[in-house]
N, C-alpha and C. Protein backbone atom coordinates (compact mmCIF):
# COMPACT_ATOMS: atom_id res chain seq x y z
N UNK A 1 182.72 130.21 34.97
CA UNK A 1 183.24 130.90 36.12
C UNK A 1 184.18 132.01 35.64
N UNK A 2 184.01 133.22 36.22
CA UNK A 2 184.86 134.32 35.75
C UNK A 2 186.32 134.08 36.10
N UNK A 3 187.18 134.62 35.26
CA UNK A 3 188.60 134.46 35.55
C UNK A 3 189.02 135.47 36.62
N UNK A 4 190.18 135.27 37.16
CA UNK A 4 190.67 136.09 38.26
C UNK A 4 190.76 137.56 37.88
N UNK A 5 191.19 137.86 36.67
CA UNK A 5 191.31 139.26 36.24
C UNK A 5 189.95 139.95 36.24
N UNK A 6 188.91 139.26 35.82
CA UNK A 6 187.57 139.85 35.81
C UNK A 6 187.08 140.11 37.23
N UNK A 7 187.38 139.18 38.12
CA UNK A 7 186.99 139.35 39.53
C UNK A 7 187.74 140.53 40.13
N UNK A 8 189.04 140.61 39.86
CA UNK A 8 189.83 141.73 40.39
C UNK A 8 189.30 143.06 39.87
N UNK A 9 188.93 143.13 38.60
CA UNK A 9 188.37 144.36 38.05
C UNK A 9 187.06 144.71 38.74
N UNK A 10 186.25 143.72 39.01
CA UNK A 10 184.98 143.96 39.72
C UNK A 10 185.22 144.47 41.13
N UNK A 11 186.19 143.88 41.80
CA UNK A 11 186.50 144.29 43.17
C UNK A 11 187.00 145.73 43.20
N UNK A 12 187.80 146.11 42.22
CA UNK A 12 188.32 147.49 42.16
C UNK A 12 187.19 148.51 42.02
N UNK A 13 186.07 148.12 41.43
CA UNK A 13 184.94 149.04 41.26
C UNK A 13 184.12 149.21 42.53
N UNK A 14 184.34 148.38 43.52
CA UNK A 14 183.61 148.48 44.79
C UNK A 14 184.15 149.63 45.63
N UNK A 15 183.29 150.17 46.47
CA UNK A 15 183.75 151.19 47.42
C UNK A 15 184.62 150.52 48.48
N UNK A 16 185.32 151.33 49.28
CA UNK A 16 186.15 150.77 50.35
C UNK A 16 185.31 149.96 51.33
N UNK A 17 184.14 150.48 51.67
CA UNK A 17 183.25 149.77 52.59
C UNK A 17 182.79 148.44 52.03
N UNK A 18 182.44 148.44 50.74
CA UNK A 18 182.01 147.19 50.10
C UNK A 18 183.14 146.18 50.04
N UNK A 19 184.36 146.66 49.79
CA UNK A 19 185.52 145.76 49.78
C UNK A 19 185.77 145.18 51.17
N UNK A 20 185.62 146.01 52.18
CA UNK A 20 185.81 145.52 53.56
C UNK A 20 184.77 144.45 53.88
N UNK A 21 183.53 144.69 53.46
CA UNK A 21 182.48 143.69 53.69
C UNK A 21 182.79 142.40 52.94
N UNK A 22 183.22 142.53 51.71
CA UNK A 22 183.59 141.36 50.92
C UNK A 22 184.71 140.57 51.59
N UNK A 23 185.72 141.27 52.06
CA UNK A 23 186.83 140.60 52.73
C UNK A 23 186.35 139.87 53.98
N UNK A 24 185.49 140.52 54.74
CA UNK A 24 184.97 139.88 55.95
C UNK A 24 184.22 138.60 55.60
N UNK A 25 183.41 138.64 54.55
CA UNK A 25 182.66 137.45 54.13
C UNK A 25 183.60 136.34 53.65
N UNK A 26 184.61 136.71 52.89
CA UNK A 26 185.56 135.72 52.38
C UNK A 26 186.32 135.08 53.54
N UNK A 27 186.78 135.89 54.47
CA UNK A 27 187.52 135.34 55.61
C UNK A 27 186.65 134.42 56.43
N UNK A 28 185.41 134.81 56.65
CA UNK A 28 184.50 133.95 57.42
C UNK A 28 184.25 132.64 56.69
N UNK A 29 184.12 132.72 55.37
CA UNK A 29 183.87 131.52 54.57
C UNK A 29 185.09 130.59 54.56
N UNK A 30 186.27 131.17 54.48
CA UNK A 30 187.48 130.36 54.39
C UNK A 30 187.94 129.81 55.73
N UNK A 31 187.69 130.54 56.77
CA UNK A 31 188.17 130.13 58.08
C UNK A 31 186.98 129.75 58.95
N UNK A 32 186.56 128.53 58.82
CA UNK A 32 185.43 128.07 59.63
C UNK A 32 185.91 127.82 61.04
N UNK A 33 186.61 128.80 61.53
CA UNK A 33 187.13 128.73 62.89
C UNK A 33 186.77 130.02 63.59
N UNK A 34 186.56 129.93 64.84
CA UNK A 34 186.21 131.10 65.63
C UNK A 34 187.28 131.25 66.70
N UNK A 35 187.95 132.41 66.71
CA UNK A 35 189.01 132.60 67.70
C UNK A 35 188.45 132.43 69.10
N UNK A 36 189.20 131.73 69.90
CA UNK A 36 188.79 131.57 71.28
C UNK A 36 187.80 130.46 71.54
N UNK A 37 187.37 129.77 70.48
CA UNK A 37 186.40 128.68 70.62
C UNK A 37 187.03 127.40 70.09
N UNK A 38 186.90 126.32 70.86
CA UNK A 38 187.41 125.02 70.45
C UNK A 38 186.31 123.98 70.54
N UNK A 39 186.47 122.95 69.78
CA UNK A 39 185.58 121.80 69.86
C UNK A 39 186.41 120.56 69.62
N UNK A 40 186.60 119.77 70.68
CA UNK A 40 187.37 118.54 70.56
C UNK A 40 186.54 117.41 71.18
N UNK A 41 186.49 116.26 70.52
CA UNK A 41 185.62 115.17 70.97
C UNK A 41 185.83 114.75 72.41
N UNK A 42 187.07 114.80 72.90
CA UNK A 42 187.34 114.29 74.25
C UNK A 42 187.09 115.31 75.37
N UNK A 43 186.69 116.52 75.02
CA UNK A 43 186.43 117.55 76.03
C UNK A 43 185.00 118.06 75.88
N UNK A 44 184.24 118.03 76.94
CA UNK A 44 182.84 118.50 76.95
C UNK A 44 182.00 117.82 75.87
N UNK A 45 182.29 116.58 75.61
CA UNK A 45 181.52 115.84 74.62
C UNK A 45 181.60 116.41 73.21
N UNK A 46 182.63 117.19 72.94
CA UNK A 46 182.79 117.76 71.61
C UNK A 46 182.03 119.05 71.40
N UNK A 47 181.34 119.53 72.44
CA UNK A 47 180.60 120.79 72.30
C UNK A 47 181.58 121.95 72.20
N UNK A 48 181.17 122.99 71.48
CA UNK A 48 182.00 124.19 71.36
C UNK A 48 182.19 124.77 72.75
N UNK A 49 183.44 125.14 73.06
CA UNK A 49 183.75 125.65 74.39
C UNK A 49 184.81 126.74 74.28
N UNK A 50 184.95 127.46 75.36
CA UNK A 50 185.98 128.50 75.44
C UNK A 50 187.34 127.82 75.57
N UNK A 51 188.32 128.27 74.78
CA UNK A 51 189.66 127.69 74.88
C UNK A 51 190.17 127.84 76.30
N UNK A 52 191.04 126.97 76.70
CA UNK A 52 191.64 126.93 78.03
C UNK A 52 190.66 126.52 79.11
N UNK A 53 189.41 126.24 78.77
CA UNK A 53 188.41 125.93 79.80
C UNK A 53 187.57 124.74 79.37
N UNK A 54 186.68 124.36 80.26
CA UNK A 54 185.66 123.37 79.96
C UNK A 54 184.28 124.04 80.03
N UNK A 55 184.24 125.30 79.66
CA UNK A 55 182.99 126.06 79.70
C UNK A 55 182.39 126.08 78.29
N UNK A 56 181.27 125.35 78.11
CA UNK A 56 180.67 125.31 76.78
C UNK A 56 179.98 126.63 76.42
N UNK A 57 180.00 126.93 75.14
CA UNK A 57 179.36 128.15 74.64
C UNK A 57 177.87 128.13 74.94
N UNK A 58 177.23 126.96 74.80
CA UNK A 58 175.78 126.91 75.04
C UNK A 58 175.45 127.32 76.46
N UNK A 59 176.30 126.98 77.42
CA UNK A 59 176.05 127.33 78.82
C UNK A 59 176.04 128.84 79.01
N UNK A 60 177.01 129.51 78.40
CA UNK A 60 177.07 130.96 78.50
C UNK A 60 175.90 131.61 77.78
N UNK A 61 175.58 131.09 76.60
CA UNK A 61 174.45 131.64 75.84
C UNK A 61 173.14 131.46 76.60
N UNK A 62 172.99 130.31 77.23
CA UNK A 62 171.77 130.05 77.99
C UNK A 62 171.69 130.96 79.22
N UNK A 63 172.80 131.13 79.90
CA UNK A 63 172.82 132.03 81.06
C UNK A 63 172.45 133.45 80.64
N UNK A 64 172.95 133.84 79.49
CA UNK A 64 172.62 135.18 78.97
C UNK A 64 171.13 135.28 78.67
N UNK A 65 170.57 134.23 78.04
CA UNK A 65 169.13 134.21 77.75
C UNK A 65 168.31 134.33 79.02
N UNK A 66 168.82 133.75 80.10
CA UNK A 66 168.10 133.76 81.37
C UNK A 66 168.32 135.06 82.15
N UNK A 67 169.11 135.96 81.60
CA UNK A 67 169.26 137.27 82.21
C UNK A 67 170.57 137.57 82.88
N UNK A 68 171.52 136.66 82.83
CA UNK A 68 172.83 136.93 83.44
C UNK A 68 173.56 138.01 82.64
N UNK A 69 174.17 138.92 83.34
CA UNK A 69 174.96 139.95 82.68
C UNK A 69 176.37 139.42 82.43
N UNK A 70 177.10 140.13 81.59
CA UNK A 70 178.48 139.74 81.35
C UNK A 70 179.30 139.83 82.64
N UNK A 71 179.04 140.85 83.43
CA UNK A 71 179.77 141.00 84.70
C UNK A 71 179.50 139.81 85.61
N UNK A 72 178.25 139.36 85.66
CA UNK A 72 177.92 138.20 86.49
C UNK A 72 178.61 136.95 85.99
N UNK A 73 178.66 136.78 84.67
CA UNK A 73 179.33 135.61 84.10
C UNK A 73 180.83 135.64 84.39
N UNK A 74 181.43 136.81 84.28
CA UNK A 74 182.86 136.92 84.56
C UNK A 74 183.16 136.65 86.03
N UNK A 75 182.24 137.01 86.89
CA UNK A 75 182.41 136.73 88.32
C UNK A 75 182.21 135.25 88.61
N UNK A 76 181.18 134.66 87.98
CA UNK A 76 180.87 133.25 88.21
C UNK A 76 181.94 132.32 87.64
N UNK A 77 182.59 132.74 86.58
CA UNK A 77 183.62 131.93 85.92
C UNK A 77 184.91 132.75 85.87
N UNK A 78 185.70 132.73 86.94
CA UNK A 78 186.89 133.58 87.04
C UNK A 78 187.94 133.34 85.96
N UNK A 79 187.91 132.19 85.32
CA UNK A 79 188.90 131.94 84.26
C UNK A 79 188.51 132.63 82.96
N UNK A 80 187.28 133.11 82.86
CA UNK A 80 186.84 133.81 81.65
C UNK A 80 187.36 135.23 81.60
N UNK A 81 187.57 135.69 80.37
CA UNK A 81 187.93 137.08 80.13
C UNK A 81 186.82 137.69 79.28
N UNK A 82 186.75 138.99 79.26
CA UNK A 82 185.72 139.68 78.48
C UNK A 82 185.80 139.27 77.00
N UNK A 83 187.00 139.10 76.48
CA UNK A 83 187.13 138.70 75.08
C UNK A 83 186.59 137.29 74.84
N UNK A 84 186.64 136.44 75.85
CA UNK A 84 186.05 135.10 75.72
C UNK A 84 184.55 135.20 75.49
N UNK A 85 183.91 136.11 76.23
CA UNK A 85 182.47 136.29 76.05
C UNK A 85 182.17 136.83 74.66
N UNK A 86 182.97 137.75 74.18
CA UNK A 86 182.77 138.29 72.83
C UNK A 86 182.87 137.17 71.80
N UNK A 87 183.85 136.29 71.97
CA UNK A 87 184.00 135.15 71.06
C UNK A 87 182.78 134.22 71.16
N UNK A 88 182.33 133.99 72.39
CA UNK A 88 181.18 133.11 72.59
C UNK A 88 179.94 133.68 71.93
N UNK A 89 179.70 134.99 72.06
CA UNK A 89 178.50 135.59 71.46
C UNK A 89 178.58 135.51 69.94
N UNK A 90 179.76 135.74 69.39
CA UNK A 90 179.93 135.64 67.94
C UNK A 90 179.64 134.21 67.46
N UNK A 91 180.21 133.25 68.16
CA UNK A 91 179.98 131.85 67.79
C UNK A 91 178.50 131.49 67.92
N UNK A 92 177.89 131.91 69.01
CA UNK A 92 176.48 131.58 69.26
C UNK A 92 175.58 132.18 68.18
N UNK A 93 175.89 133.39 67.73
CA UNK A 93 175.08 134.00 66.65
C UNK A 93 175.24 133.21 65.35
N UNK A 94 176.46 132.81 65.05
CA UNK A 94 176.73 132.11 63.80
C UNK A 94 176.22 130.67 63.81
N UNK A 95 176.06 130.09 65.01
CA UNK A 95 175.65 128.69 65.15
C UNK A 95 174.42 128.57 66.05
N UNK A 96 173.45 129.43 65.81
CA UNK A 96 172.27 129.51 66.69
C UNK A 96 171.55 128.17 66.82
N UNK A 97 171.38 127.45 65.73
CA UNK A 97 170.68 126.16 65.79
C UNK A 97 171.44 125.16 66.65
N UNK A 98 172.75 125.09 66.46
CA UNK A 98 173.58 124.18 67.27
C UNK A 98 173.48 124.53 68.75
N UNK A 99 173.56 125.80 69.06
CA UNK A 99 173.51 126.23 70.46
C UNK A 99 172.16 125.89 71.08
N UNK A 100 171.08 126.12 70.35
CA UNK A 100 169.75 125.79 70.88
C UNK A 100 169.59 124.28 71.07
N UNK A 101 170.15 123.49 70.16
CA UNK A 101 170.11 122.01 70.33
C UNK A 101 170.89 121.59 71.59
N UNK A 102 172.06 122.20 71.77
CA UNK A 102 172.88 121.87 72.94
C UNK A 102 172.16 122.27 74.24
N UNK A 103 171.52 123.44 74.23
CA UNK A 103 170.78 123.86 75.42
C UNK A 103 169.68 122.88 75.71
N UNK A 104 168.90 122.51 74.69
CA UNK A 104 167.80 121.56 74.87
C UNK A 104 168.32 120.21 75.37
N UNK A 105 169.40 119.73 74.79
CA UNK A 105 169.94 118.43 75.17
C UNK A 105 170.43 118.42 76.61
N UNK A 106 170.93 119.54 77.07
CA UNK A 106 171.48 119.60 78.42
C UNK A 106 170.46 120.00 79.47
N UNK A 107 169.27 120.38 79.06
CA UNK A 107 168.22 120.71 80.01
C UNK A 107 167.47 119.45 80.47
N UNK A 108 167.54 118.41 79.68
CA UNK A 108 166.79 117.20 80.03
C UNK A 108 167.58 116.30 80.95
């Protein structure tokens, strides 16, 4: 495994854009947390949900798949904010298999 000095020298040779991409990947890898999304066993059966609510991410993702717009979702769920939807879409993209399993499990 390369030592820290060798890694630092390699990072210095990257462009600013490449360094930004690297930082984004490192942060995502280190923080397996998604802002605005919680998962606790005693709420919504442990499914990922929007903080401050009992609205699961799979429900929003499924509504979107069925054609609901963000405006319609914000109207239907008055406690939601636009940033909550952004967090939900990010989480759903990163956990697509989990979201599809949750949708399937809740459709039956």
